[in-house]
N, C-alpha and C. Protein backbone atom coordinates (compact mmCIF):
# COMPACT_ATOMS: atom_id res chain seq x y z
N MET A 1 -24.92 -1.64 12.63
CA MET A 1 -23.68 -1.56 11.97
C MET A 1 -24.57 -1.81 10.38
N LYS A 2 -25.62 -2.51 10.50
CA LYS A 2 -26.47 -3.72 9.19
C LYS A 2 -27.33 -2.34 9.04
N ARG A 3 -28.22 -1.47 9.56
CA ARG A 3 -29.08 -0.38 9.41
C ARG A 3 -28.11 0.50 8.34
N LEU A 4 -26.95 0.76 9.21
CA LEU A 4 -25.86 1.67 8.52
C LEU A 4 -25.61 1.63 7.28
N LEU A 5 -25.01 0.65 6.80
CA LEU A 5 -24.59 0.07 5.61
C LEU A 5 -26.07 -0.28 4.41
N GLN A 6 -27.53 -0.54 5.18
CA GLN A 6 -28.60 -0.86 4.50
C GLN A 6 -28.91 0.80 4.01
N SER A 7 -28.89 1.80 4.62
CA SER A 7 -29.03 3.33 4.68
C SER A 7 -28.22 3.74 3.69
N LYS A 8 -26.48 3.32 3.97
CA LYS A 8 -25.78 3.77 2.70
C LYS A 8 -26.06 3.44 1.33
N SER A 9 -26.43 1.98 1.05
CA SER A 9 -26.73 1.50 -0.01
C SER A 9 -28.04 2.03 -0.37
N GLU A 10 -28.53 1.82 -0.08
CA GLU A 10 -30.47 2.81 -0.80
C GLU A 10 -29.96 3.99 -0.97
N TRP A 11 -29.13 5.17 0.07
CA TRP A 11 -28.69 6.10 -0.84
C TRP A 11 -28.17 6.34 -1.86
N PHE A 12 -27.03 5.19 -1.73
CA PHE A 12 -26.16 4.94 -3.60
C PHE A 12 -27.15 4.57 -4.49
N LEU A 13 -27.91 3.85 -4.37
CA LEU A 13 -29.32 3.64 -5.35
C LEU A 13 -29.75 4.93 -5.95
N ASN A 14 -30.38 5.35 -4.90
CA ASN A 14 -30.91 6.79 -5.43
C ASN A 14 -30.34 7.99 -6.02
N SER A 15 -29.00 7.84 -5.83
CA SER A 15 -27.83 8.48 -6.12
C SER A 15 -27.93 8.68 -7.47
N LEU A 16 -27.75 6.82 -8.20
CA LEU A 16 -27.66 6.81 -9.67
C LEU A 16 -28.61 6.87 -9.96
N ASN A 17 -29.89 6.64 -9.45
CA ASN A 17 -31.40 7.03 -10.13
C ASN A 17 -31.53 8.50 -10.92
N SER A 18 -30.73 9.01 -10.40
CA SER A 18 -31.05 10.68 -11.34
C SER A 18 -30.06 10.92 -12.16
N THR A 19 -30.68 10.92 -13.36
CA THR A 19 -30.16 11.28 -14.28
C THR A 19 -29.98 12.99 -14.58
N THR A 20 -30.21 13.27 -13.57
CA THR A 20 -29.22 15.04 -13.91
C THR A 20 -27.78 15.05 -13.49
N THR A 21 -27.20 16.14 -14.05
CA THR A 21 -25.80 16.18 -14.07
C THR A 21 -25.79 17.91 -13.30
N LYS A 22 -26.78 18.29 -12.40
CA LYS A 22 -26.47 19.34 -11.62
C LYS A 22 -25.42 18.88 -10.38
N GLN A 23 -24.93 19.50 -9.85
CA GLN A 23 -24.00 19.58 -8.65
C GLN A 23 -24.90 19.29 -7.57
N THR A 24 -26.07 19.68 -7.32
CA THR A 24 -26.76 20.49 -5.98
C THR A 24 -27.54 19.30 -5.29
N CYS A 25 -27.29 19.49 -4.12
CA CYS A 25 -28.19 18.63 -3.19
C CYS A 25 -29.58 18.87 -3.35
N GLU A 26 -30.27 17.30 -3.26
CA GLU A 26 -31.83 17.25 -3.49
C GLU A 26 -32.53 16.71 -2.20
N CYS A 27 -31.77 16.67 -0.68
CA CYS A 27 -31.88 15.66 -0.01
C CYS A 27 -32.73 16.77 0.86
N ARG A 28 -33.67 16.53 2.06
CA ARG A 28 -34.62 17.64 2.95
C ARG A 28 -33.69 17.94 3.95
N ASN A 29 -32.02 17.69 3.60
CA ASN A 29 -31.33 18.65 4.77
C ASN A 29 -30.99 19.91 4.20
N HIS A 30 -31.10 19.93 2.64
CA HIS A 30 -30.43 21.36 2.44
C HIS A 30 -31.53 21.74 1.20
N GLU A 31 -32.71 21.17 0.75
CA GLU A 31 -33.82 21.64 0.36
C GLU A 31 -33.76 23.28 0.46
N GLY A 32 -34.17 24.05 -0.43
CA GLY A 32 -34.37 25.25 -0.79
C GLY A 32 -33.24 26.51 0.06
N LYS A 33 -31.86 25.82 0.32
CA LYS A 33 -30.88 26.73 0.73
C LYS A 33 -30.11 27.26 0.13
N ALA A 34 -29.34 28.15 -0.01
CA ALA A 34 -28.40 28.54 -1.01
C ALA A 34 -27.31 27.76 -1.24
N ASN A 35 -26.84 27.42 0.02
CA ASN A 35 -25.61 26.72 -0.25
C ASN A 35 -25.61 25.20 -0.20
N ALA A 36 -26.81 25.06 -1.09
CA ALA A 36 -26.81 23.59 -1.15
C ALA A 36 -25.47 22.50 -2.25
N LYS A 37 -25.05 23.43 -3.10
CA LYS A 37 -24.30 23.10 -3.86
C LYS A 37 -22.90 22.81 -3.46
N ARG A 38 -22.78 23.57 -2.68
CA ARG A 38 -21.33 23.27 -1.32
C ARG A 38 -21.10 22.25 -0.19
N LYS A 39 -22.34 22.24 0.01
CA LYS A 39 -22.68 20.93 1.05
C LYS A 39 -22.99 19.49 0.42
N TRP A 40 -23.36 19.37 -0.84
CA TRP A 40 -23.63 18.70 -1.73
C TRP A 40 -22.46 17.66 -1.86
N LYS A 41 -21.18 18.07 -1.64
CA LYS A 41 -19.91 17.61 -1.83
C LYS A 41 -19.57 16.45 -0.77
N LYS A 42 -20.86 16.50 0.52
CA LYS A 42 -20.29 15.81 1.68
C LYS A 42 -20.89 14.20 1.40
N HIS A 43 -22.33 14.61 0.78
CA HIS A 43 -23.17 13.23 0.34
C HIS A 43 -22.20 12.47 -0.35
N TYR A 44 -21.08 12.67 -1.42
CA TYR A 44 -20.38 11.76 -2.07
C TYR A 44 -20.99 11.23 -2.88
N GLY A 45 -21.95 11.94 -3.65
CA GLY A 45 -23.05 11.47 -5.13
C GLY A 45 -21.98 10.98 -5.64
N ILE A 46 -22.55 10.53 -6.80
CA ILE A 46 -21.60 9.90 -8.14
C ILE A 46 -22.30 11.36 -9.33
N ARG A 47 -21.09 12.14 -10.06
CA ARG A 47 -21.77 12.63 -11.16
C ARG A 47 -21.34 12.07 -12.30
N GLN A 48 -22.70 12.60 -13.65
CA GLN A 48 -22.24 11.62 -15.14
C GLN A 48 -21.47 13.16 -15.06
N VAL A 49 -20.61 12.51 -15.89
CA VAL A 49 -19.34 13.48 -16.74
C VAL A 49 -19.38 13.39 -17.99
N GLY A 50 -20.20 12.60 -18.82
CA GLY A 50 -20.06 12.11 -20.05
C GLY A 50 -21.04 10.97 -20.33
N ILE A 51 -21.45 10.57 -22.05
CA ILE A 51 -21.67 9.70 -22.71
C ILE A 51 -21.26 8.99 -23.28
N THR A 52 -21.03 7.91 -23.46
CA THR A 52 -20.13 6.69 -24.08
C THR A 52 -20.73 6.98 -26.06
N VAL A 53 -20.03 6.21 -26.91
CA VAL A 53 -20.58 6.51 -28.16
C VAL A 53 -22.06 5.59 -28.30
N ASP A 54 -21.93 4.40 -27.09
CA ASP A 54 -23.04 3.61 -27.59
C ASP A 54 -24.01 4.01 -26.56
N GLY A 55 -24.05 5.25 -25.68
CA GLY A 55 -24.98 5.88 -24.59
C GLY A 55 -25.08 5.48 -23.45
N GLN A 56 -23.90 5.21 -22.94
CA GLN A 56 -24.07 4.93 -21.59
C GLN A 56 -23.44 6.00 -21.10
N ALA A 57 -23.87 6.65 -19.73
CA ALA A 57 -23.77 7.02 -18.90
C ALA A 57 -22.09 6.88 -18.43
N VAL A 58 -21.38 7.90 -18.54
CA VAL A 58 -19.78 7.62 -17.74
C VAL A 58 -19.92 8.77 -16.49
N MET A 59 -19.44 7.77 -14.98
CA MET A 59 -19.76 8.49 -13.64
C MET A 59 -18.35 9.18 -13.41
N ALA A 60 -18.38 10.08 -12.93
CA ALA A 60 -17.18 10.29 -12.41
C ALA A 60 -16.20 9.87 -11.64
N GLY A 61 -15.17 9.42 -11.93
CA GLY A 61 -13.85 8.39 -11.17
C GLY A 61 -13.99 8.91 -9.87
N LEU A 62 -13.74 10.14 -9.64
CA LEU A 62 -13.51 11.06 -8.42
C LEU A 62 -14.41 10.64 -7.39
N ASP A 63 -15.77 10.38 -7.88
CA ASP A 63 -17.01 10.68 -6.54
C ASP A 63 -17.05 8.84 -6.49
N THR A 64 -16.46 7.95 -7.52
CA THR A 64 -16.39 6.76 -7.85
C THR A 64 -15.58 6.44 -6.27
N PHE A 65 -14.51 6.91 -6.36
CA PHE A 65 -13.44 6.49 -5.49
C PHE A 65 -13.92 6.99 -4.22
N LYS A 66 -14.48 8.60 -4.20
CA LYS A 66 -14.61 8.99 -2.47
C LYS A 66 -15.78 7.88 -2.21
N VAL A 67 -16.93 7.46 -2.86
CA VAL A 67 -17.71 6.48 -2.54
C VAL A 67 -16.97 4.94 -2.10
N SER A 68 -16.52 4.37 -2.63
CA SER A 68 -15.81 3.58 -2.34
C SER A 68 -14.95 3.35 -0.98
N GLU A 69 -14.29 4.55 -0.62
CA GLU A 69 -13.11 4.67 0.07
C GLU A 69 -13.61 5.37 1.35
N ALA A 70 -14.37 6.22 1.28
CA ALA A 70 -15.15 7.08 1.84
C ALA A 70 -16.10 6.24 3.44
N LEU A 71 -16.94 5.87 2.15
CA LEU A 71 -18.26 4.97 2.93
C LEU A 71 -17.96 3.46 3.33
N GLY A 72 -16.85 3.00 2.22
CA GLY A 72 -16.33 1.63 2.61
C GLY A 72 -17.57 0.92 1.72
N MET A 73 -17.87 1.24 0.94
CA MET A 73 -18.47 0.45 -0.25
C MET A 73 -17.52 -0.46 -0.77
N PRO A 74 -17.89 -1.84 -1.34
CA PRO A 74 -16.77 -2.78 -2.07
C PRO A 74 -17.22 -2.13 -3.36
N LEU A 75 -15.85 -2.04 -4.22
CA LEU A 75 -15.98 -1.52 -5.82
C LEU A 75 -16.86 -2.56 -6.74
N ASP A 76 -17.07 -3.83 -6.24
CA ASP A 76 -17.85 -4.73 -7.22
C ASP A 76 -19.04 -4.29 -6.86
N PHE A 77 -19.30 -3.85 -5.92
CA PHE A 77 -21.07 -3.62 -5.53
C PHE A 77 -21.41 -2.62 -6.43
N ILE A 78 -20.57 -1.59 -6.19
CA ILE A 78 -20.86 -0.34 -7.07
C ILE A 78 -20.97 -0.17 -8.60
N LEU A 79 -19.83 -1.17 -8.78
CA LEU A 79 -19.72 -2.02 -10.52
C LEU A 79 -21.02 -2.42 -10.79
N LEU A 80 -21.67 -3.38 -10.01
CA LEU A 80 -22.77 -4.26 -10.51
C LEU A 80 -23.91 -2.92 -10.09
N ILE A 81 -23.99 -2.09 -9.71
CA ILE A 81 -25.65 -1.37 -9.44
C ILE A 81 -25.32 -0.55 -10.20
N MET A 82 -23.87 0.02 -11.30
CA MET A 82 -23.48 1.08 -12.36
C MET A 82 -24.31 -0.18 -13.42
N GLU A 83 -23.50 -1.50 -13.57
CA GLU A 83 -24.19 -1.99 -14.97
C GLU A 83 -25.95 -2.31 -14.79
N GLU A 84 -26.24 -2.37 -13.76
CA GLU A 84 -27.58 -2.82 -13.97
C GLU A 84 -28.08 -1.61 -14.44
N LYS A 85 -27.60 -0.09 -13.86
CA LYS A 85 -27.95 1.27 -14.55
C LYS A 85 -27.94 1.99 -15.75
N ASN A 86 -26.70 1.22 -16.07
CA ASN A 86 -26.09 1.46 -17.87
C ASN A 86 -25.24 2.08 -17.61
N ARG A 87 -24.44 2.49 -16.67
CA ARG A 87 -23.15 3.81 -16.48
C ARG A 87 -21.94 2.46 -16.21
N VAL A 88 -21.24 3.41 -16.61
CA VAL A 88 -19.95 3.11 -16.46
C VAL A 88 -18.52 4.08 -15.87
N VAL A 89 -17.80 3.83 -15.42
CA VAL A 89 -16.66 4.54 -14.68
C VAL A 89 -15.83 5.08 -15.33
N ASP A 90 -15.42 6.47 -15.24
CA ASP A 90 -14.32 7.00 -15.86
C ASP A 90 -12.71 6.60 -15.09
N TRP A 91 -12.40 5.78 -15.65
CA TRP A 91 -11.20 4.63 -15.10
C TRP A 91 -9.89 5.53 -15.00
N ILE A 92 -10.08 6.50 -16.06
CA ILE A 92 -8.70 7.22 -15.94
C ILE A 92 -8.74 8.46 -14.55
N ASP A 93 -10.16 8.95 -14.40
CA ASP A 93 -9.56 9.96 -13.22
C ASP A 93 -9.86 8.79 -12.01
N PHE A 94 -10.47 7.93 -12.08
CA PHE A 94 -10.31 6.90 -10.51
C PHE A 94 -8.69 6.50 -10.53
N ILE A 95 -7.88 6.35 -11.17
CA ILE A 95 -6.90 6.10 -11.05
C ILE A 95 -5.96 7.77 -10.78
N ASN A 96 -6.26 8.54 -11.82
CA ASN A 96 -5.64 9.93 -11.37
C ASN A 96 -5.74 10.02 -9.49
N VAL A 97 -7.27 9.71 -8.74
CA VAL A 97 -7.17 10.15 -7.46
C VAL A 97 -6.62 9.35 -6.56
N ALA A 98 -6.85 7.97 -6.97
CA ALA A 98 -6.24 7.04 -6.48
C ALA A 98 -4.69 6.95 -6.04
N LEU A 99 -4.04 7.31 -7.12
CA LEU A 99 -2.43 7.86 -7.22
C LEU A 99 -2.09 9.18 -6.56
N ASN A 100 -3.32 10.05 -6.20
CA ASN A 100 -3.32 10.92 -5.34
C ASN A 100 -3.39 10.94 -3.88
N HIS A 101 -3.89 9.87 -3.85
CA HIS A 101 -4.58 9.59 -2.64
C HIS A 101 -3.15 8.86 -1.89
N GLY A 102 -2.10 8.35 -2.53
CA GLY A 102 -0.97 7.79 -2.47
C GLY A 102 -0.98 5.86 -2.59
N TRP A 103 -2.47 5.83 -3.35
CA TRP A 103 -1.71 4.45 -3.62
C TRP A 103 -0.72 4.62 -4.84
N THR A 104 -0.22 3.11 -5.31
CA THR A 104 0.67 3.12 -6.16
C THR A 104 -0.30 2.31 -7.08
N MET A 105 0.60 2.61 -8.58
CA MET A 105 -0.14 2.41 -9.79
C MET A 105 0.05 0.51 -9.54
N LYS A 106 0.32 -0.24 -8.76
CA LYS A 106 0.58 -1.49 -9.06
C LYS A 106 -0.93 -1.66 -8.32
N THR A 107 -1.02 -1.12 -6.87
CA THR A 107 -1.88 -1.41 -5.95
C THR A 107 -3.71 -0.80 -6.74
N THR A 108 -3.41 0.12 -7.51
CA THR A 108 -4.63 0.61 -8.07
C THR A 108 -5.25 -0.60 -9.10
N MET A 109 -4.34 -0.84 -9.75
CA MET A 109 -4.44 -2.25 -11.42
C MET A 109 -5.26 -2.83 -10.46
N LYS A 110 -4.83 -3.59 -9.24
CA LYS A 110 -5.18 -5.16 -8.53
C LYS A 110 -6.53 -4.42 -7.82
N LYS A 111 -6.56 -3.27 -7.14
CA LYS A 111 -8.11 -2.98 -6.68
C LYS A 111 -8.85 -3.14 -7.85
N ILE A 112 -8.84 -2.30 -9.14
CA ILE A 112 -9.79 -1.83 -9.81
C ILE A 112 -10.10 -3.90 -10.91
N GLU A 113 -9.01 -4.46 -11.14
CA GLU A 113 -8.59 -5.58 -11.71
C GLU A 113 -9.97 -6.39 -11.52
N TYR A 114 -9.80 -7.27 -10.32
CA TYR A 114 -10.86 -8.05 -9.59
C TYR A 114 -12.43 -8.00 -9.69
N PRO A 115 -12.78 -6.68 -9.67
CA PRO A 115 -13.87 -6.39 -9.76
C PRO A 115 -14.32 -5.79 -10.83
N ILE A 116 -13.65 -5.66 -11.74
CA ILE A 116 -14.27 -5.23 -13.58
C ILE A 116 -14.19 -6.93 -14.00
N LEU A 117 -13.34 -7.49 -13.68
CA LEU A 117 -13.58 -9.04 -14.01
C LEU A 117 -14.69 -9.59 -13.59
N ASP A 118 -14.81 -9.85 -12.32
CA ASP A 118 -16.31 -10.07 -11.54
C ASP A 118 -17.21 -9.31 -12.49
N VAL A 119 -17.57 -8.25 -12.18
CA VAL A 119 -18.87 -7.72 -13.21
C VAL A 119 -18.90 -7.66 -14.21
N TYR A 120 -18.07 -7.18 -15.19
CA TYR A 120 -17.78 -6.95 -16.75
C TYR A 120 -16.95 -8.25 -17.58
N GLY A 121 -16.23 -9.05 -17.03
CA GLY A 121 -15.99 -10.31 -17.62
C GLY A 121 -14.28 -9.76 -18.31
N LYS A 122 -13.77 -10.62 -18.99
CA LYS A 122 -12.29 -10.54 -19.22
C LYS A 122 -12.17 -9.46 -20.51
N ALA A 123 -12.98 -9.49 -21.18
CA ALA A 123 -12.97 -8.85 -22.63
C ALA A 123 -12.73 -7.30 -22.25
N TYR A 124 -13.43 -6.93 -21.15
CA TYR A 124 -13.97 -5.55 -20.78
C TYR A 124 -12.79 -4.93 -19.96
N TRP A 125 -12.15 -6.09 -19.08
CA TRP A 125 -10.93 -5.79 -18.37
C TRP A 125 -9.72 -5.41 -19.25
N LEU A 126 -9.56 -6.21 -20.19
CA LEU A 126 -8.73 -6.18 -21.19
C LEU A 126 -8.86 -4.61 -22.09
N GLU A 127 -9.96 -4.42 -22.55
CA GLU A 127 -10.06 -3.16 -22.90
C GLU A 127 -9.51 -1.89 -21.78
N VAL A 128 -10.21 -1.67 -20.67
CA VAL A 128 -9.64 -1.23 -20.15
C VAL A 128 -8.07 -1.18 -19.80
N GLU A 129 -7.58 -2.02 -19.49
CA GLU A 129 -6.17 -2.45 -19.65
C GLU A 129 -5.31 -1.40 -20.34
N LYS A 130 -6.06 -1.60 -21.53
CA LYS A 130 -5.21 -1.04 -22.93
C LYS A 130 -5.39 -0.04 -22.60
N ARG A 131 -6.71 0.86 -22.77
CA ARG A 131 -6.71 2.07 -22.51
C ARG A 131 -6.00 2.64 -21.38
N ILE A 132 -5.93 2.27 -20.58
CA ILE A 132 -5.13 2.95 -19.34
C ILE A 132 -3.65 2.81 -19.66
N LYS A 133 -3.08 1.96 -20.52
CA LYS A 133 -1.82 1.84 -20.80
C LYS A 133 -1.47 3.06 -22.11
N LEU A 134 -2.44 3.16 -22.59
CA LEU A 134 -2.69 4.00 -23.28
C LEU A 134 -2.53 5.55 -23.16
N ALA A 135 -3.25 5.48 -22.33
CA ALA A 135 -3.50 7.27 -21.14
C ALA A 135 -1.87 7.39 -20.61
N ILE A 136 -1.56 6.22 -20.09
CA ILE A 136 -0.27 6.62 -19.61
C ILE A 136 0.74 6.98 -20.54
N GLU A 137 0.80 6.43 -21.59
CA GLU A 137 1.74 6.85 -22.75
C GLU A 137 1.74 8.38 -23.13
N LYS A 138 -0.08 8.91 -23.36
CA LYS A 138 0.05 10.15 -23.66
C LYS A 138 -0.23 11.11 -22.37
N GLY A 139 0.22 10.83 -21.16
CA GLY A 139 0.32 11.57 -20.18
C GLY A 139 -0.79 12.04 -19.47
N LEU A 140 -1.89 11.02 -19.84
CA LEU A 140 -3.52 11.25 -19.10
C LEU A 140 -3.36 11.07 -17.27
N ILE A 141 -2.31 9.91 -17.81
CA ILE A 141 -2.27 9.78 -15.72
C ILE A 141 -0.91 9.86 -15.45
N ASN A 142 -1.28 10.69 -13.94
CA ASN A 142 -0.06 11.37 -13.42
C ASN A 142 0.51 10.60 -12.56
N ILE A 143 1.67 9.65 -12.82
CA ILE A 143 2.06 8.55 -11.65
C ILE A 143 2.98 9.63 -10.77
N PRO A 144 3.27 9.48 -9.93
CA PRO A 144 3.92 10.34 -8.85
C PRO A 144 5.31 9.53 -9.00
N THR A 145 6.33 10.63 -8.94
CA THR A 145 7.59 10.38 -9.10
C THR A 145 8.39 9.60 -7.54
N MET A 146 8.59 8.89 -7.15
CA MET A 146 9.31 8.54 -5.97
C MET A 146 10.77 8.76 -6.05
N ILE A 147 10.74 9.77 -5.08
CA ILE A 147 12.22 10.21 -4.98
C ILE A 147 12.64 9.83 -3.70
N GLY A 148 14.57 8.70 -4.23
CA GLY A 148 15.03 8.13 -3.06
C GLY A 148 14.28 6.84 -2.60
N LYS A 149 13.45 6.46 -3.23
CA LYS A 149 12.89 5.17 -2.95
C LYS A 149 12.91 4.28 -4.46
N LYS A 150 13.17 2.75 -3.92
CA LYS A 150 13.06 2.11 -5.08
C LYS A 150 11.93 1.50 -5.86
N PRO A 151 11.38 1.50 -7.12
CA PRO A 151 9.69 1.36 -7.52
C PRO A 151 9.52 -0.15 -6.92
């Protein structure tokens, strides 16, 4: 188990070292194959989807969620590595994916609050929280309605 976690960690670090935005798998399993784009998704790489005003790479929330959930990698570990590599997560995308996977908004906020506080600090968390509330008001976060259940 320790060896498996170590190999996942090494793979994750290698996936963040790449600055390319193409979605092809460059591992030795698919090298030179025509269907490499399709099989890339099975590796749960984290794609860059943009750049912030201050030059930080914005990483896809969908991919971050998959790495966290499917590989069982703690979110604070992922954020710590991203901070070292000068990258940030698209939190709006992350929350939308989490809500689509059955998480409640309250659960999602708690699951991201503590890792963000640990890695980036309170000022960053307050800014993320403010932007999430703004995104909800603008309809960028799709909170599923609960039919027949109390919130």
